[in-house]
Amino acid sequence: MAGSEIFVGQASFWELSSALKEKYRVLTSIDGFHENVIVVKPPMVFTKEDAVEFVTSFEKCLIDLPAIDKLNQLEKTPT
């Protein structure tokens, strides 16, 4: 398992997880005591191309965080 610390500022991890699902069809959930861990829910078969697609989608969501912060209609993604 690998991890990296990311500061998302005013946007919540729930908003980031919801945006990944709604915009890019990437399933994630939130975990951890402070709800600051993003858990990727990959399919059983996960190729290198899938990993590249996830990282690209994740980067785009991080760039769009100020816009994500204003979207109140996003729902929590169940674990």
Foldseek 3Di string as FASTA:
>chain_A
DDDDDDDLPLFAPQLLQLCCCVVPVWHWAFDDPVSRDIGGDDDPDADPVNVVSVVVSSVVSSVCSVVSSPDPPGDGHDD
